[in-house]
N, C-alpha and C. Protein backbone atom coordinates (compact mmCIF):
# COMPACT_ATOMS: atom_id res chain seq x y z
N MET A 1 12.18 14.22 22.82
CA MET A 1 13.44 13.81 21.88
C MET A 1 13.88 15.07 21.22
N THR A 2 15.30 15.10 21.44
CA THR A 2 15.93 16.19 20.85
C THR A 2 15.89 16.21 19.32
N GLY A 3 16.32 17.32 18.75
CA GLY A 3 16.23 17.51 17.26
C GLY A 3 17.27 16.55 16.65
N GLY A 4 18.46 16.56 17.21
CA GLY A 4 19.53 15.48 16.83
C GLY A 4 19.10 14.06 16.87
N ARG A 5 18.57 13.68 17.98
CA ARG A 5 17.90 12.36 18.26
C ARG A 5 16.99 12.05 17.17
N GLU A 6 16.02 12.91 17.11
CA GLU A 6 14.87 12.71 16.04
C GLU A 6 15.44 12.61 14.45
N ALA A 7 16.49 13.30 14.17
CA ALA A 7 17.09 13.33 12.85
C ALA A 7 17.72 11.88 12.74
N GLU A 8 18.47 11.42 13.76
CA GLU A 8 19.11 9.94 13.80
C GLU A 8 18.02 8.88 13.50
N VAL A 9 17.08 9.01 14.17
CA VAL A 9 15.90 8.13 14.04
C VAL A 9 15.40 8.10 12.65
N ARG A 10 15.12 9.08 12.10
CA ARG A 10 14.65 9.43 10.70
C ARG A 10 15.54 8.81 9.76
N ALA A 11 16.86 8.94 9.99
CA ALA A 11 17.96 8.40 9.07
C ALA A 11 17.88 6.84 9.16
N ARG A 12 17.72 6.29 10.50
CA ARG A 12 17.58 4.77 10.48
C ARG A 12 16.41 4.29 9.81
N ILE A 13 15.27 4.96 9.94
CA ILE A 13 14.01 4.55 9.12
C ILE A 13 14.34 4.62 7.82
N ALA A 14 14.92 5.64 7.22
CA ALA A 14 15.23 5.76 5.71
C ALA A 14 16.02 4.75 5.29
N GLU A 15 16.92 4.18 6.10
CA GLU A 15 17.85 3.30 5.76
C GLU A 15 17.33 1.71 5.87
N GLY A 16 16.10 1.62 6.36
CA GLY A 16 15.41 0.23 6.52
C GLY A 16 16.05 -0.44 7.77
N LEU A 17 16.51 0.30 8.79
CA LEU A 17 17.16 -0.33 9.80
C LEU A 17 16.02 -0.38 10.93
N VAL A 18 16.37 -1.12 12.22
CA VAL A 18 15.37 -1.37 13.06
C VAL A 18 15.30 -0.01 13.92
N TYR A 19 14.03 0.43 14.32
CA TYR A 19 13.64 1.33 15.18
C TYR A 19 12.54 1.01 16.09
N SER A 20 12.27 1.54 17.16
CA SER A 20 11.28 1.15 18.11
C SER A 20 10.03 2.13 18.00
N GLU A 21 8.96 1.55 18.88
CA GLU A 21 7.78 2.46 19.02
C GLU A 21 8.08 3.71 19.72
N SER A 22 8.73 3.69 20.76
CA SER A 22 9.08 4.87 21.48
C SER A 22 9.92 5.92 20.65
N GLU A 23 10.77 5.35 19.89
CA GLU A 23 11.77 6.29 19.08
C GLU A 23 10.87 6.96 17.95
N ALA A 24 9.88 6.32 17.51
CA ALA A 24 9.10 6.73 16.40
C ALA A 24 7.84 7.58 16.99
N ALA A 25 7.71 8.03 18.18
CA ALA A 25 6.61 8.60 18.77
C ALA A 25 6.38 9.98 18.26
N PHE A 26 7.52 10.53 17.89
CA PHE A 26 7.18 11.97 17.19
C PHE A 26 6.67 12.04 15.82
N LEU A 27 6.40 10.75 15.28
CA LEU A 27 5.62 10.72 13.94
C LEU A 27 4.08 10.58 14.35
N ALA A 28 3.60 10.51 15.57
CA ALA A 28 2.37 10.28 15.90
C ALA A 28 1.29 11.37 15.30
N SER A 29 1.80 12.62 15.00
CA SER A 29 0.90 13.52 14.52
C SER A 29 0.57 13.31 13.06
N ARG A 30 1.23 12.37 12.21
CA ARG A 30 0.93 12.06 11.11
C ARG A 30 -0.18 11.06 10.83
N ARG A 31 -0.65 10.47 11.94
CA ARG A 31 -1.63 9.51 11.90
C ARG A 31 -3.00 10.22 11.61
N ARG A 32 -3.83 9.45 10.75
CA ARG A 32 -5.21 10.13 10.47
C ARG A 32 -6.23 9.37 10.93
N ALA A 33 -6.17 8.76 12.12
CA ALA A 33 -7.09 7.77 12.72
C ALA A 33 -8.61 8.27 12.71
N GLU A 34 -8.71 9.54 13.11
CA GLU A 34 -10.15 10.01 13.08
C GLU A 34 -10.72 10.29 11.65
N GLY A 35 -9.96 10.69 10.72
CA GLY A 35 -10.43 10.86 9.48
C GLY A 35 -10.73 9.43 8.80
N ILE A 36 -9.93 8.48 9.08
CA ILE A 36 -10.25 7.25 8.51
C ILE A 36 -11.45 6.71 9.26
N PHE A 37 -11.64 6.76 10.47
CA PHE A 37 -13.05 6.51 11.04
C PHE A 37 -14.04 7.12 10.58
N ALA A 38 -14.01 8.44 10.26
CA ALA A 38 -15.00 9.27 9.76
C ALA A 38 -15.37 8.61 8.20
N TYR A 39 -14.37 8.40 7.33
CA TYR A 39 -14.60 7.88 6.03
C TYR A 39 -15.33 6.58 6.09
N ASN A 40 -14.88 5.81 6.95
CA ASN A 40 -15.69 4.34 7.05
C ASN A 40 -17.05 4.47 7.67
N HIS A 41 -17.37 5.65 8.18
CA HIS A 41 -18.80 5.68 8.71
C HIS A 41 -19.66 6.71 7.82
N THR A 42 -19.14 7.08 6.78
CA THR A 42 -19.92 8.16 6.00
C THR A 42 -20.66 7.39 5.02
N PRO A 43 -21.92 7.65 4.87
CA PRO A 43 -22.84 7.09 3.82
C PRO A 43 -22.30 7.23 2.30
N PRO A 44 -22.52 6.22 1.51
CA PRO A 44 -21.75 6.12 0.42
C PRO A 44 -22.31 7.25 -0.61
N GLY A 45 -23.43 7.85 -0.31
CA GLY A 45 -23.95 8.86 -1.28
C GLY A 45 -23.51 10.20 -1.05
N GLU A 46 -22.69 10.44 0.16
CA GLU A 46 -22.09 11.65 0.41
C GLU A 46 -20.83 11.83 -0.33
N VAL A 47 -20.75 11.78 -1.53
CA VAL A 47 -19.59 11.67 -2.43
C VAL A 47 -18.60 12.98 -2.12
N ALA A 48 -19.13 14.19 -1.98
CA ALA A 48 -18.13 15.27 -1.72
C ALA A 48 -17.45 15.19 -0.47
N ARG A 49 -18.07 14.65 0.50
CA ARG A 49 -17.65 14.55 1.92
C ARG A 49 -16.48 13.37 1.81
N LEU A 50 -16.75 12.33 1.14
CA LEU A 50 -15.84 11.18 1.12
C LEU A 50 -14.63 11.62 0.20
N ARG A 51 -14.81 12.40 -0.60
CA ARG A 51 -13.49 12.92 -1.47
C ARG A 51 -12.80 13.84 -0.45
N ALA A 52 -13.46 14.75 0.13
CA ALA A 52 -12.69 15.70 1.26
C ALA A 52 -12.00 14.90 2.26
N LEU A 53 -12.55 13.77 2.77
CA LEU A 53 -11.82 12.97 3.64
C LEU A 53 -10.66 12.37 3.20
N LEU A 54 -10.79 11.89 1.94
CA LEU A 54 -9.68 11.16 1.29
C LEU A 54 -8.44 12.13 1.26
N GLU A 55 -8.78 13.32 0.64
CA GLU A 55 -7.80 14.46 0.44
C GLU A 55 -7.04 14.81 1.77
N ALA A 56 -7.89 14.70 2.93
CA ALA A 56 -7.23 15.10 4.26
C ALA A 56 -6.56 13.89 4.78
N ILE A 57 -6.81 12.63 4.31
CA ILE A 57 -6.14 11.61 5.07
C ILE A 57 -4.80 11.33 4.25
N PHE A 58 -4.85 11.21 2.91
CA PHE A 58 -3.72 10.73 2.12
C PHE A 58 -2.80 11.98 1.83
N GLY A 59 -1.56 11.41 1.54
CA GLY A 59 -0.51 12.43 1.22
C GLY A 59 -0.97 13.02 -0.14
N HIS A 60 -1.56 12.18 -1.11
CA HIS A 60 -2.08 12.70 -2.35
C HIS A 60 -3.01 11.61 -2.82
N VAL A 61 -4.04 12.22 -3.32
CA VAL A 61 -5.13 11.31 -3.88
C VAL A 61 -5.45 11.91 -5.36
N GLY A 62 -5.47 11.20 -6.34
CA GLY A 62 -5.61 11.67 -7.75
C GLY A 62 -7.00 11.73 -7.98
N GLU A 63 -7.27 12.32 -9.39
CA GLU A 63 -8.70 12.28 -9.86
C GLU A 63 -9.36 11.08 -10.15
N ARG A 64 -10.80 10.98 -9.84
CA ARG A 64 -11.48 9.81 -10.10
C ARG A 64 -11.06 8.55 -9.27
N ALA A 65 -10.49 8.87 -8.21
CA ALA A 65 -10.02 7.72 -7.37
C ALA A 65 -11.24 7.18 -6.58
N VAL A 66 -11.53 5.94 -6.43
CA VAL A 66 -12.48 5.21 -5.70
C VAL A 66 -11.78 4.36 -4.62
N LEU A 67 -12.38 4.51 -3.32
CA LEU A 67 -11.96 3.54 -2.51
C LEU A 67 -13.16 3.04 -1.61
N GLN A 68 -13.46 1.74 -1.66
CA GLN A 68 -14.67 1.30 -0.89
C GLN A 68 -14.36 1.27 0.42
N ALA A 69 -15.27 1.49 1.33
CA ALA A 69 -15.25 1.49 2.69
C ALA A 69 -15.64 0.22 3.10
N PRO A 70 -14.90 -0.68 4.28
CA PRO A 70 -13.93 0.18 5.05
C PRO A 70 -12.45 -0.14 4.65
N PHE A 71 -11.63 0.93 4.87
CA PHE A 71 -10.28 0.76 4.63
C PHE A 71 -9.40 0.95 5.78
N HIS A 72 -8.22 0.51 6.00
CA HIS A 72 -7.49 0.69 7.25
C HIS A 72 -6.07 1.22 6.82
N ALA A 73 -5.48 2.10 7.72
CA ALA A 73 -4.20 2.64 7.66
C ALA A 73 -3.48 3.01 8.89
N ALA A 74 -2.22 2.60 8.90
CA ALA A 74 -1.42 3.01 10.08
C ALA A 74 -1.30 4.40 10.36
N TYR A 75 -1.07 5.18 9.12
CA TYR A 75 -0.89 6.69 9.17
C TYR A 75 -1.98 7.17 8.15
N GLY A 76 -2.14 6.89 6.88
CA GLY A 76 -2.78 7.59 5.94
C GLY A 76 -2.03 8.53 5.30
N SER A 77 -1.31 9.39 5.86
CA SER A 77 -0.59 10.43 5.18
C SER A 77 0.49 10.10 4.59
N ASN A 78 1.08 8.86 4.55
CA ASN A 78 2.27 8.32 3.82
C ASN A 78 1.65 7.56 2.53
N VAL A 79 0.47 7.68 2.35
CA VAL A 79 -0.10 6.94 1.10
C VAL A 79 -0.49 7.92 0.05
N HIS A 80 0.19 7.73 -1.31
CA HIS A 80 0.06 8.72 -2.45
C HIS A 80 -0.49 7.81 -3.51
N ILE A 81 -1.69 8.29 -3.96
CA ILE A 81 -2.49 7.50 -4.76
C ILE A 81 -2.74 8.22 -6.38
N GLY A 82 -2.51 7.79 -7.33
CA GLY A 82 -2.64 8.43 -8.60
C GLY A 82 -4.17 8.51 -9.14
N ASP A 83 -4.32 8.90 -10.29
CA ASP A 83 -5.55 9.21 -10.98
C ASP A 83 -6.34 7.68 -11.15
N ASP A 84 -7.56 7.70 -11.34
CA ASP A 84 -8.30 6.44 -11.82
C ASP A 84 -7.94 5.29 -11.17
N PHE A 85 -7.79 5.38 -9.67
CA PHE A 85 -7.56 4.20 -8.96
C PHE A 85 -8.85 3.59 -8.47
N PHE A 86 -8.94 2.38 -8.10
CA PHE A 86 -10.02 1.58 -7.69
C PHE A 86 -9.52 0.62 -6.56
N GLY A 87 -9.87 0.95 -5.29
CA GLY A 87 -9.61 -0.05 -4.23
C GLY A 87 -11.01 -0.69 -3.56
N ASN A 88 -10.90 -1.85 -3.45
CA ASN A 88 -12.08 -2.63 -2.94
C ASN A 88 -12.10 -2.55 -1.34
N VAL A 89 -13.15 -3.27 -0.84
CA VAL A 89 -13.23 -3.27 0.57
C VAL A 89 -12.13 -3.97 1.34
N ASN A 90 -11.81 -3.53 2.46
CA ASN A 90 -10.85 -4.09 3.42
C ASN A 90 -9.47 -3.86 2.80
N LEU A 91 -9.15 -2.79 2.18
CA LEU A 91 -7.77 -2.56 1.84
C LEU A 91 -6.84 -2.07 3.04
N THR A 92 -5.73 -2.60 3.33
CA THR A 92 -5.15 -2.11 4.60
C THR A 92 -3.74 -1.60 4.10
N PHE A 93 -3.43 -0.40 4.55
CA PHE A 93 -2.29 0.38 4.29
C PHE A 93 -1.32 0.24 5.59
N VAL A 94 -0.25 -0.46 5.64
CA VAL A 94 0.68 -0.38 6.80
C VAL A 94 1.75 0.71 6.33
N ASP A 95 1.38 1.92 6.47
CA ASP A 95 2.29 3.01 5.77
C ASP A 95 3.11 3.81 6.74
N ASP A 96 3.91 3.02 7.53
CA ASP A 96 4.99 3.75 8.37
C ASP A 96 5.84 4.34 7.65
N VAL A 97 6.20 4.13 6.26
CA VAL A 97 6.71 4.96 5.31
C VAL A 97 5.97 4.94 3.96
N ASP A 98 6.48 5.53 2.81
CA ASP A 98 5.62 5.79 1.70
C ASP A 98 5.07 4.61 1.16
N ILE A 99 3.89 4.58 0.57
CA ILE A 99 3.27 3.71 -0.39
C ILE A 99 2.88 4.74 -1.58
N ARG A 100 3.43 4.28 -2.69
CA ARG A 100 3.25 5.24 -3.81
C ARG A 100 2.51 4.36 -4.92
N ILE A 101 1.34 4.75 -5.23
CA ILE A 101 0.52 3.82 -6.25
C ILE A 101 0.12 4.89 -7.41
N GLY A 102 0.42 4.24 -8.48
CA GLY A 102 0.33 4.95 -9.87
C GLY A 102 -1.10 5.15 -10.41
N ASP A 103 -1.25 5.50 -11.66
CA ASP A 103 -2.51 5.84 -12.15
C ASP A 103 -3.08 4.39 -12.69
N GLY A 104 -4.38 4.37 -12.70
CA GLY A 104 -5.08 3.22 -13.25
C GLY A 104 -4.90 2.02 -12.55
N VAL A 105 -4.56 2.15 -11.36
CA VAL A 105 -4.32 0.72 -10.55
C VAL A 105 -5.73 0.29 -10.01
N MET A 106 -5.78 -1.06 -10.04
CA MET A 106 -7.22 -1.76 -9.43
C MET A 106 -6.66 -2.64 -8.33
N ILE A 107 -7.36 -2.57 -7.18
CA ILE A 107 -7.00 -3.55 -6.04
C ILE A 107 -8.16 -4.17 -5.62
N ALA A 108 -8.28 -5.47 -5.56
CA ALA A 108 -9.36 -6.25 -5.26
C ALA A 108 -9.62 -6.41 -3.73
N PRO A 109 -10.65 -6.85 -2.99
CA PRO A 109 -10.80 -6.99 -1.72
C PRO A 109 -9.85 -7.55 -0.77
N SER A 110 -9.70 -7.16 0.30
CA SER A 110 -8.83 -7.75 1.47
C SER A 110 -7.28 -7.77 1.08
N VAL A 111 -6.81 -6.68 0.52
CA VAL A 111 -5.41 -6.70 0.14
C VAL A 111 -4.66 -5.80 1.30
N THR A 112 -3.40 -6.29 1.56
CA THR A 112 -2.57 -5.66 2.59
C THR A 112 -1.29 -5.14 1.90
N LEU A 113 -0.99 -3.85 2.05
CA LEU A 113 0.21 -3.28 1.72
C LEU A 113 0.96 -2.85 2.78
N THR A 114 1.99 -3.75 3.22
CA THR A 114 2.70 -3.36 4.42
C THR A 114 4.16 -2.98 4.10
N THR A 115 4.56 -1.89 4.51
CA THR A 115 5.94 -1.33 4.53
C THR A 115 6.67 -1.73 5.56
N THR A 116 6.04 -2.51 6.77
CA THR A 116 6.81 -2.68 7.92
C THR A 116 6.81 -4.08 8.43
N GLY A 117 8.19 -4.62 8.81
CA GLY A 117 8.18 -5.91 9.19
C GLY A 117 8.99 -5.92 10.61
N HIS A 118 9.22 -6.90 11.15
CA HIS A 118 9.90 -7.03 12.35
C HIS A 118 10.95 -8.01 12.52
N PRO A 119 12.03 -7.61 13.32
CA PRO A 119 13.17 -8.72 13.29
C PRO A 119 12.84 -10.03 13.68
N VAL A 120 13.58 -10.95 13.30
CA VAL A 120 13.39 -12.50 13.69
C VAL A 120 13.73 -12.53 15.08
N HIS A 121 14.81 -12.09 15.69
CA HIS A 121 15.28 -12.32 17.11
C HIS A 121 14.26 -11.50 18.04
N PRO A 122 13.78 -12.30 19.15
CA PRO A 122 12.70 -11.74 19.92
C PRO A 122 13.39 -10.42 20.73
N GLU A 123 14.63 -10.43 20.98
CA GLU A 123 15.34 -9.41 21.72
C GLU A 123 15.19 -8.02 20.92
N ARG A 124 15.22 -8.17 19.52
CA ARG A 124 15.28 -7.07 18.68
C ARG A 124 13.73 -6.51 18.47
N ARG A 125 12.78 -7.21 19.09
CA ARG A 125 11.29 -6.77 18.79
C ARG A 125 10.79 -6.18 20.22
N VAL A 126 11.83 -5.87 21.15
CA VAL A 126 11.45 -5.13 22.49
C VAL A 126 10.99 -3.84 22.04
N ASP A 127 9.87 -3.35 22.74
CA ASP A 127 9.28 -1.99 22.35
C ASP A 127 8.86 -1.92 20.80
N PHE A 128 8.32 -3.11 20.38
CA PHE A 128 7.63 -3.17 18.90
C PHE A 128 8.78 -2.90 17.88
N GLY A 129 9.96 -3.10 18.20
CA GLY A 129 10.95 -3.02 17.25
C GLY A 129 10.64 -3.42 15.89
N ARG A 130 11.09 -2.61 14.84
CA ARG A 130 10.59 -2.87 13.38
C ARG A 130 11.50 -2.28 12.36
N PHE A 131 11.25 -2.59 11.22
CA PHE A 131 11.89 -1.87 10.24
C PHE A 131 10.91 -1.50 9.14
N SER A 132 11.15 -0.52 8.10
CA SER A 132 10.19 -0.15 7.31
C SER A 132 11.00 0.17 5.91
N GLU A 133 10.33 -0.15 4.79
CA GLU A 133 10.85 0.05 3.41
C GLU A 133 9.64 0.40 2.50
N PRO A 134 9.83 1.57 1.56
CA PRO A 134 8.68 1.87 0.80
C PRO A 134 8.07 0.82 -0.13
N ILE A 135 6.89 0.97 -0.51
CA ILE A 135 6.31 0.15 -1.54
C ILE A 135 5.90 1.08 -2.80
N VAL A 136 6.23 0.53 -3.87
CA VAL A 136 5.80 1.34 -5.17
C VAL A 136 4.95 0.44 -6.01
N ILE A 137 3.79 0.82 -6.51
CA ILE A 137 3.07 0.14 -7.40
C ILE A 137 2.75 0.95 -8.67
N GLU A 138 3.34 0.60 -9.75
CA GLU A 138 3.41 1.49 -11.03
C GLU A 138 1.98 1.54 -11.61
N ASP A 139 1.83 2.27 -12.72
CA ASP A 139 0.64 2.52 -13.33
C ASP A 139 -0.17 1.21 -13.91
N LYS A 140 -1.34 1.08 -13.89
CA LYS A 140 -2.22 0.18 -14.40
C LYS A 140 -1.88 -1.46 -14.02
N VAL A 141 -1.49 -1.55 -12.81
CA VAL A 141 -1.41 -2.83 -11.98
C VAL A 141 -2.61 -3.10 -11.59
N TRP A 142 -2.85 -4.54 -11.60
CA TRP A 142 -3.99 -5.15 -11.01
C TRP A 142 -3.72 -6.15 -9.96
N ILE A 143 -4.16 -5.94 -8.70
CA ILE A 143 -3.82 -6.97 -7.68
C ILE A 143 -5.09 -7.48 -7.05
N GLY A 144 -4.90 -9.00 -7.16
CA GLY A 144 -5.95 -9.88 -6.99
C GLY A 144 -6.46 -9.77 -5.44
N SER A 145 -7.47 -10.45 -5.05
CA SER A 145 -7.95 -10.50 -3.60
C SER A 145 -6.97 -11.20 -2.78
N ASN A 146 -6.93 -10.81 -1.55
CA ASN A 146 -6.10 -11.39 -0.47
C ASN A 146 -4.72 -11.46 -0.63
N VAL A 147 -4.36 -10.44 -1.41
CA VAL A 147 -2.70 -10.44 -1.87
C VAL A 147 -2.10 -9.64 -0.53
N VAL A 148 -0.81 -10.06 -0.24
CA VAL A 148 -0.16 -9.24 0.79
C VAL A 148 1.17 -8.85 0.05
N VAL A 149 1.47 -7.48 0.00
CA VAL A 149 2.60 -7.01 -0.47
C VAL A 149 3.58 -6.51 0.69
N LEU A 150 4.85 -7.05 0.63
CA LEU A 150 5.66 -6.88 1.74
C LEU A 150 6.65 -5.75 1.53
N PRO A 151 7.31 -5.25 2.57
CA PRO A 151 8.26 -4.01 2.64
C PRO A 151 9.21 -3.98 1.39
N GLY A 152 9.47 -2.95 0.79
CA GLY A 152 10.35 -2.73 -0.05
C GLY A 152 10.11 -3.13 -1.68
N VAL A 153 8.89 -3.64 -1.88
CA VAL A 153 8.55 -4.25 -3.05
C VAL A 153 8.12 -3.05 -4.12
N ARG A 154 8.50 -3.31 -5.27
CA ARG A 154 7.86 -2.55 -6.45
C ARG A 154 7.33 -3.50 -7.49
N ILE A 155 6.11 -3.20 -7.85
CA ILE A 155 5.51 -3.93 -8.77
C ILE A 155 5.32 -3.12 -10.17
N GLY A 156 5.92 -3.72 -11.21
CA GLY A 156 5.92 -3.03 -12.36
C GLY A 156 4.84 -2.63 -13.19
N TYR A 157 4.86 -1.75 -14.20
CA TYR A 157 3.76 -1.22 -15.02
C TYR A 157 2.97 -2.38 -15.62
N GLY A 158 1.63 -2.44 -15.42
CA GLY A 158 0.61 -3.30 -16.15
C GLY A 158 0.57 -4.61 -15.45
N SER A 159 1.34 -5.03 -14.62
CA SER A 159 1.38 -6.42 -13.95
C SER A 159 0.09 -6.71 -13.28
N VAL A 160 -0.07 -8.08 -13.27
CA VAL A 160 -1.23 -8.61 -12.47
C VAL A 160 -0.69 -9.75 -11.43
N ILE A 161 -1.12 -9.39 -10.35
CA ILE A 161 -0.83 -10.19 -9.12
C ILE A 161 -2.07 -11.12 -8.81
N GLY A 162 -1.89 -12.36 -8.80
CA GLY A 162 -2.87 -13.46 -8.60
C GLY A 162 -3.38 -13.43 -7.24
N ALA A 163 -4.69 -13.70 -6.93
CA ALA A 163 -5.28 -13.84 -5.77
C ALA A 163 -4.59 -14.60 -4.71
N GLY A 164 -4.22 -14.23 -3.55
CA GLY A 164 -3.69 -14.98 -2.60
C GLY A 164 -2.25 -14.96 -2.38
N SER A 165 -1.54 -14.25 -3.21
CA SER A 165 -0.22 -14.06 -3.48
C SER A 165 0.50 -13.30 -2.24
N VAL A 166 1.61 -13.70 -1.87
CA VAL A 166 2.49 -12.97 -0.88
C VAL A 166 3.76 -12.41 -1.74
N VAL A 167 3.78 -11.17 -1.99
CA VAL A 167 4.82 -10.41 -2.93
C VAL A 167 5.97 -10.08 -2.09
N SER A 168 6.94 -10.80 -2.10
CA SER A 168 8.21 -10.43 -1.42
C SER A 168 9.20 -9.99 -2.05
N ARG A 169 9.28 -9.88 -3.45
CA ARG A 169 10.34 -9.17 -4.13
C ARG A 169 9.65 -8.50 -5.42
N ASP A 170 10.52 -7.72 -5.99
CA ASP A 170 9.96 -6.98 -7.15
C ASP A 170 9.32 -7.82 -8.41
N ILE A 171 8.43 -7.30 -8.93
CA ILE A 171 7.67 -7.89 -10.00
C ILE A 171 8.04 -7.06 -11.36
N PRO A 172 8.40 -7.58 -12.34
CA PRO A 172 8.81 -6.58 -13.52
C PRO A 172 7.55 -6.35 -14.20
N PRO A 173 7.71 -5.33 -15.04
CA PRO A 173 6.43 -4.77 -15.86
C PRO A 173 5.83 -5.90 -16.63
N MET A 174 4.51 -5.65 -17.10
CA MET A 174 3.75 -6.51 -17.90
C MET A 174 3.84 -8.14 -17.73
N SER A 175 3.79 -8.39 -16.45
CA SER A 175 3.93 -9.92 -16.00
C SER A 175 2.72 -10.29 -15.02
N ILE A 176 2.48 -11.58 -15.29
CA ILE A 176 1.50 -12.19 -14.46
C ILE A 176 2.31 -12.93 -13.45
N ALA A 177 1.97 -12.69 -12.14
CA ALA A 177 2.77 -13.33 -11.03
C ALA A 177 1.93 -13.78 -9.98
N VAL A 178 2.01 -15.06 -9.39
CA VAL A 178 1.24 -15.73 -8.49
C VAL A 178 2.01 -16.49 -7.49
N GLY A 179 1.27 -16.80 -6.47
CA GLY A 179 1.94 -17.61 -5.32
C GLY A 179 2.62 -17.12 -4.18
N THR A 180 2.83 -18.07 -3.36
CA THR A 180 3.59 -17.86 -2.12
C THR A 180 4.74 -18.40 -1.88
N PRO A 181 5.97 -17.87 -2.23
CA PRO A 181 6.17 -16.60 -2.46
C PRO A 181 5.75 -16.32 -3.88
N CYS A 182 5.44 -15.18 -4.28
CA CYS A 182 4.92 -14.67 -5.45
C CYS A 182 6.12 -14.72 -6.59
N ARG A 183 5.82 -15.21 -7.66
CA ARG A 183 6.87 -15.43 -8.72
C ARG A 183 6.10 -15.09 -10.20
N VAL A 184 6.79 -14.80 -11.10
CA VAL A 184 6.29 -14.60 -12.39
C VAL A 184 6.13 -15.79 -13.10
N VAL A 185 4.86 -16.00 -13.66
CA VAL A 185 4.56 -17.10 -14.35
C VAL A 185 4.74 -17.07 -16.04
N ARG A 186 4.46 -15.66 -16.40
CA ARG A 186 4.51 -15.50 -17.77
C ARG A 186 4.48 -13.84 -18.12
N ALA A 187 4.92 -13.50 -19.20
CA ALA A 187 4.60 -11.99 -19.62
C ALA A 187 3.22 -11.84 -20.11
N ILE A 188 2.71 -10.73 -20.09
CA ILE A 188 1.38 -10.25 -20.62
C ILE A 188 1.85 -9.81 -22.01
N THR A 189 1.05 -10.40 -23.22
CA THR A 189 1.40 -10.16 -24.53
C THR A 189 0.12 -9.60 -25.20
N ASP A 190 0.38 -9.28 -26.31
CA ASP A 190 -0.79 -8.83 -27.33
C ASP A 190 -1.81 -9.91 -27.41
N ALA A 191 -1.36 -11.20 -27.23
CA ALA A 191 -2.48 -12.28 -27.37
C ALA A 191 -3.45 -12.13 -26.20
N ASP A 192 -3.06 -11.45 -25.15
CA ASP A 192 -4.17 -11.11 -24.08
C ASP A 192 -5.18 -10.24 -24.52
N LEU A 193 -5.07 -9.50 -25.40
CA LEU A 193 -5.95 -8.48 -25.99
C LEU A 193 -7.23 -9.23 -26.27
N THR A 194 -7.14 -10.51 -26.68
CA THR A 194 -8.34 -11.37 -27.15
C THR A 194 -9.02 -12.12 -26.18
N THR A 195 -8.48 -12.34 -24.91
CA THR A 195 -8.99 -13.12 -24.09
C THR A 195 -10.41 -12.62 -23.37
N ARG A 196 -11.20 -13.53 -23.34
CA ARG A 196 -12.68 -13.17 -22.84
C ARG A 196 -13.41 -12.16 -23.72
N ALA A 197 -12.95 -12.29 -25.04
CA ALA A 197 -13.64 -11.29 -25.94
C ALA A 197 -14.64 -12.24 -26.73
N ARG A 198 -15.77 -11.65 -27.23
CA ARG A 198 -16.64 -12.28 -28.03
C ARG A 198 -16.15 -12.60 -29.46
N LYS A 199 -16.30 -13.80 -29.73
CA LYS A 199 -15.72 -14.36 -31.03
C LYS A 199 -16.67 -13.55 -32.21
N SER A 200 -15.89 -13.28 -33.27
CA SER A 200 -16.68 -12.59 -34.33
C SER A 200 -16.72 -13.47 -35.53
């Protein structure tokens, strides 16, 4: 692919327009499949090796980040994780474009963060036609088990996403949101500071 053609495809990807597998072939070098395989097969006691692998796989990984194996990623290099992150088992990053995760984020088992979808009409899915939009998860978000976050979504500071939700639109800060499609059910308030606390 010529430089001009590559620039045109990159521009289309950046705009969230449809592009094909063949057109995106020049991005293959950004895939970290070998590193991901190695991470998922490294004994949990080899902490230094696990950390080194995460640093090689991801675009950025913050301090004190924990990611339980196994995890999966389309690329890995498009994932950017902040400090004090915890990701439980079977976390999947479909990171054809950036996934940016802030500080203090907790993600429960079997969550999928997918930046990529496919056109509805089958003729537009020839050669695995797809579109991609970045995902942003702000600081101190908690995402429950079996949640799916779809392309282009931003989850605001401190919010909680209930288990099993499908997040197809932005969630404002300090909100509890649940369901399919995911919707805000209430704000998080100071009253929540006393929940599940021992009565004095």
